[in-house]
Amino acid sequence: MAKNDDIKKDEIIDKDNIVIEDAFKRLEEINNLLSSPETSLKDSLALYAEGVKLVSACKDSLIDVEKEIQILNESDNNSGVGE
């Protein structure tokens, strides 16, 4: 893999600043590459490992968003908004 891909990959996988849309695009790219018979076993393993990291980062990001939504909903319920 080229160095430019590595830099972009590291930026996407940063769990604190993940852009989930970019992660999903990269996961789609990984899926396509893994489906290709031209991808070597070594590259397939590296792509699989990257995909696992991306899925984990996405999961963590979604959990954080869910927590924020719950806090906002609790705050709305306690403040009497919408009554």
Protein backbone atom coordinates (compact mmCIF):
# COMPACT_ATOMS: atom_id res chain seq x y z
CA MET A 1 0.00 0.00 0.00
CA ALA A 2 1.19 3.52 -0.74
CA LYS A 3 2.21 5.92 1.99
CA ASN A 4 -0.61 8.33 1.06
CA ASP A 5 -3.11 5.53 1.70
CA ASP A 6 -1.48 4.86 5.10
CA ILE A 7 -1.82 8.51 6.13
CA LYS A 8 -5.46 8.64 5.07
CA LYS A 9 -6.11 5.30 6.74
CA ASP A 10 -4.61 6.50 10.04
CA GLU A 11 -6.73 9.66 9.92
CA ILE A 12 -9.91 7.65 9.39
CA ILE A 13 -9.14 5.14 12.17
CA ASP A 14 -8.39 7.81 14.82
CA LYS A 15 -11.14 6.84 17.27
CA ASP A 16 -11.39 10.33 18.79
CA ASN A 17 -11.92 12.12 15.48
CA ILE A 18 -13.49 9.48 13.25
CA VAL A 19 -15.59 10.67 10.33
CA ILE A 20 -18.02 7.80 10.11
CA GLU A 21 -18.97 8.47 6.49
CA ASP A 22 -15.29 8.23 5.50
CA ALA A 23 -14.95 5.04 7.51
CA PHE A 24 -17.94 3.49 5.73
CA LYS A 25 -16.49 4.47 2.33
CA ARG A 26 -13.16 2.89 3.29
CA LEU A 27 -14.93 -0.27 4.52
CA GLU A 28 -16.67 -0.50 1.15
CA GLU A 29 -13.29 -0.14 -0.60
CA ILE A 30 -11.82 -2.84 1.65
CA ASN A 31 -14.74 -5.14 0.89
CA ASN A 32 -14.24 -4.67 -2.84
CA LEU A 33 -10.51 -5.32 -2.56
CA LEU A 34 -11.07 -8.44 -0.46
CA SER A 35 -13.54 -9.71 -3.07
CA SER A 36 -10.96 -9.35 -5.82
CA PRO A 37 -9.04 -12.50 -6.77
CA GLU A 38 -6.09 -10.23 -7.59
CA THR A 39 -5.56 -9.26 -3.93
CA SER A 40 -2.73 -11.27 -2.39
CA LEU A 41 -3.10 -13.16 0.86
CA LYS A 42 -0.72 -10.75 2.61
CA ASP A 43 -2.68 -7.72 1.40
CA SER A 44 -5.96 -9.42 2.30
CA LEU A 45 -4.78 -9.93 5.86
CA ALA A 46 -3.70 -6.28 6.15
CA LEU A 47 -7.03 -5.11 4.70
CA TYR A 48 -8.96 -7.37 7.07
CA ALA A 49 -7.05 -5.97 10.06
CA GLU A 50 -7.78 -2.42 8.89
CA GLY A 51 -11.45 -3.28 8.49
CA VAL A 52 -11.62 -4.68 12.03
CA LYS A 53 -10.10 -1.44 13.39
CA LEU A 54 -12.55 0.65 11.38
CA VAL A 55 -15.55 -1.34 12.59
CA SER A 56 -14.37 -0.97 16.18
CA ALA A 57 -13.87 2.78 15.77
CA CYS A 58 -17.32 3.15 14.17
CA LYS A 59 -18.91 1.15 16.98
CA ASP A 60 -17.23 3.33 19.62
CA SER A 61 -18.31 6.48 17.80
CA LEU A 62 -21.91 5.31 17.54
CA ILE A 63 -21.97 4.38 21.23
CA ASP A 64 -20.75 7.89 22.10
CA VAL A 65 -23.44 9.46 19.91
CA GLU A 66 -26.10 7.26 21.50
CA LYS A 67 -24.97 8.38 24.97
CA GLU A 68 -25.17 12.03 23.92
CA ILE A 69 -28.69 11.51 22.56
CA GLN A 70 -29.77 9.86 25.81
CA ILE A 71 -28.35 12.79 27.81
CA LEU A 72 -30.18 15.27 25.58
CA ASN A 73 -33.44 13.33 25.88
CA GLU A 74 -33.11 13.18 29.66
CA SER A 75 -32.34 16.88 29.75
CA ASP A 76 -35.41 17.64 27.62
CA ASN A 77 -37.62 15.45 29.82
CA ASN A 78 -36.35 17.12 32.99
CA SER A 79 -36.74 20.68 31.70
CA GLY A 80 -40.34 20.25 30.61
CA VAL A 81 -39.58 21.09 26.95
CA GLY A 82 -42.48 20.25 24.70
CA GLU A 83 -45.14 20.45 27.38
